[in-house]
Amino acid sequence: MKILSFVHEGNILDVGPGGGALLDVLSDKFKGSNIFGIDFSENVINELLAKKRAQGKSWNVIKGNALA
């Protein structure tokens, strides 16, 4: 993924994470980082939380507006 060349270790935010594919890639590549996804959709957040629990993912998700 070309976008990974712009990402560095530390705190990483995925705005509008959808199904969490980028969250998964980021957590695999940047294991020492704090990775968050932010989305304003309650449905997206609930689906990602279910995925995180079922698959033991280390990233976190936040319900909110990234522009606020």
C-alpha atoms as a PDB file:
ATOM      1  CA  MET A   1       0.000   0.000   0.000  1.00  0.00           C
ATOM      2  CA  LYS A   2       1.431   3.306  -1.078  1.00  0.00           C
ATOM      3  CA  ILE A   3      -0.132   5.158   1.862  1.00  0.00           C
ATOM      4  CA  LEU A   4       2.134   3.295   4.295  1.00  0.00           C
ATOM      5  CA  SER A   5       5.138   5.316   3.109  1.00  0.00           C
ATOM      6  CA  PHE A   6       3.504   8.369   4.741  1.00  0.00           C
ATOM      7  CA  VAL A   7       2.870   6.678   8.104  1.00  0.00           C
ATOM      8  CA  HIS A   8       5.312   6.602  11.024  1.00  0.00           C
ATOM      9  CA  GLU A   9       5.361   4.815  14.390  1.00  0.00           C
ATOM     10  CA  GLY A  10       3.450   6.464  17.211  1.00  0.00           C
ATOM     11  CA  ASN A  11      -0.174   7.504  17.363  1.00  0.00           C
ATOM     12  CA  ILE A  12      -1.927   6.671  14.093  1.00  0.00           C
ATOM     13  CA  LEU A  13      -5.494   7.702  13.196  1.00  0.00           C
ATOM     14  CA  ASP A  14      -7.580   6.149  10.425  1.00  0.00           C
ATOM     15  CA  VAL A  15     -10.456   8.494   9.581  1.00  0.00           C
ATOM     16  CA  GLY A  16     -13.493   6.592   8.306  1.00  0.00           C
ATOM     17  CA  PRO A  17     -12.130   3.067   8.817  1.00  0.00           C
ATOM     18  CA  GLY A  18     -15.043   1.241   7.137  1.00  0.00           C
ATOM     19  CA  GLY A  19     -14.504  -2.500   7.573  1.00  0.00           C
ATOM     20  CA  GLY A  20     -11.120  -2.051   9.260  1.00  0.00           C
ATOM     21  CA  ALA A  21      -8.828  -3.281   6.461  1.00  0.00           C
ATOM     22  CA  LEU A  22      -6.373  -0.395   6.891  1.00  0.00           C
ATOM     23  CA  LEU A  23      -6.524  -0.754  10.684  1.00  0.00           C
ATOM     24  CA  ASP A  24      -5.420  -4.367  10.247  1.00  0.00           C
ATOM     25  CA  VAL A  25      -2.547  -3.454   7.914  1.00  0.00           C
ATOM     26  CA  LEU A  26      -1.398  -0.642  10.209  1.00  0.00           C
ATOM     27  CA  SER A  27      -1.465  -2.845  13.301  1.00  0.00           C
ATOM     28  CA  ASP A  28       0.562  -5.535  11.522  1.00  0.00           C
ATOM     29  CA  LYS A  29       3.207  -3.091  10.266  1.00  0.00           C
ATOM     30  CA  PHE A  30       3.419  -0.710  13.252  1.00  0.00           C
ATOM     31  CA  LYS A  31       3.192  -3.079  16.209  1.00  0.00           C
ATOM     32  CA  GLY A  32       4.474  -0.534  18.749  1.00  0.00           C
ATOM     33  CA  SER A  33       1.961   2.136  17.757  1.00  0.00           C
ATOM     34  CA  ASN A  34      -1.375   3.234  19.159  1.00  0.00           C
ATOM     35  CA  ILE A  35      -3.765   2.789  16.246  1.00  0.00           C
ATOM     36  CA  PHE A  36      -7.222   4.326  16.261  1.00  0.00           C
ATOM     37  CA  GLY A  37     -10.091   4.493  13.843  1.00  0.00           C
ATOM     38  CA  ILE A  38     -12.670   7.268  14.098  1.00  0.00           C
ATOM     39  CA  ASP A  39     -16.081   7.193  12.487  1.00  0.00           C
ATOM     40  CA  PHE A  40     -19.376   8.996  13.091  1.00  0.00           C
ATOM     41  CA  SER A  41     -21.462   5.919  12.242  1.00  0.00           C
ATOM     42  CA  GLU A  42     -22.643   3.919  15.239  1.00  0.00           C
ATOM     43  CA  ASN A  43     -23.072   0.880  12.951  1.00  0.00           C
ATOM     44  CA  VAL A  44     -19.457   1.035  11.745  1.00  0.00           C
ATOM     45  CA  ILE A  45     -18.167   1.369  15.305  1.00  0.00           C
ATOM     46  CA  ASN A  46     -20.269  -1.581  16.500  1.00  0.00           C
ATOM     47  CA  GLU A  47     -19.086  -3.781  13.620  1.00  0.00           C
ATOM     48  CA  LEU A  48     -15.449  -2.880  14.243  1.00  0.00           C
ATOM     49  CA  LEU A  49     -15.774  -3.541  17.975  1.00  0.00           C
ATOM     50  CA  ALA A  50     -17.269  -6.960  17.210  1.00  0.00           C
ATOM     51  CA  LYS A  51     -14.389  -7.670  14.790  1.00  0.00           C
ATOM     52  CA  LYS A  52     -11.844  -6.536  17.368  1.00  0.00           C
ATOM     53  CA  ARG A  53     -13.269  -8.892  20.016  1.00  0.00           C
ATOM     54  CA  ALA A  54     -13.711 -11.848  17.643  1.00  0.00           C
ATOM     55  CA  GLN A  55     -10.261 -11.565  16.067  1.00  0.00           C
ATOM     56  CA  GLY A  56      -8.273 -10.202  19.017  1.00  0.00           C
ATOM     57  CA  LYS A  57      -7.222  -7.012  17.249  1.00  0.00           C
ATOM     58  CA  SER A  58      -5.077  -4.447  19.072  1.00  0.00           C
ATOM     59  CA  TRP A  59      -6.404  -1.284  17.414  1.00  0.00           C
ATOM     60  CA  ASN A  60      -9.135   0.884  18.935  1.00  0.00           C
ATOM     61  CA  VAL A  61     -12.141   2.697  17.517  1.00  0.00           C
ATOM     62  CA  ILE A  62     -13.794   5.930  18.554  1.00  0.00           C
ATOM     63  CA  LYS A  63     -17.243   7.240  17.638  1.00  0.00           C
ATOM     64  CA  GLY A  64     -16.870  10.854  16.628  1.00  0.00           C
ATOM     65  CA  ASN A  65     -16.482  13.441  13.928  1.00  0.00           C
ATOM     66  CA  ALA A  66     -12.880  13.821  12.792  1.00  0.00           C
ATOM     67  CA  LEU A  67     -13.610  17.356  11.628  1.00  0.00           C
ATOM     68  CA  ALA A  68     -14.891  18.510  15.027  1.00  0.00           C
END
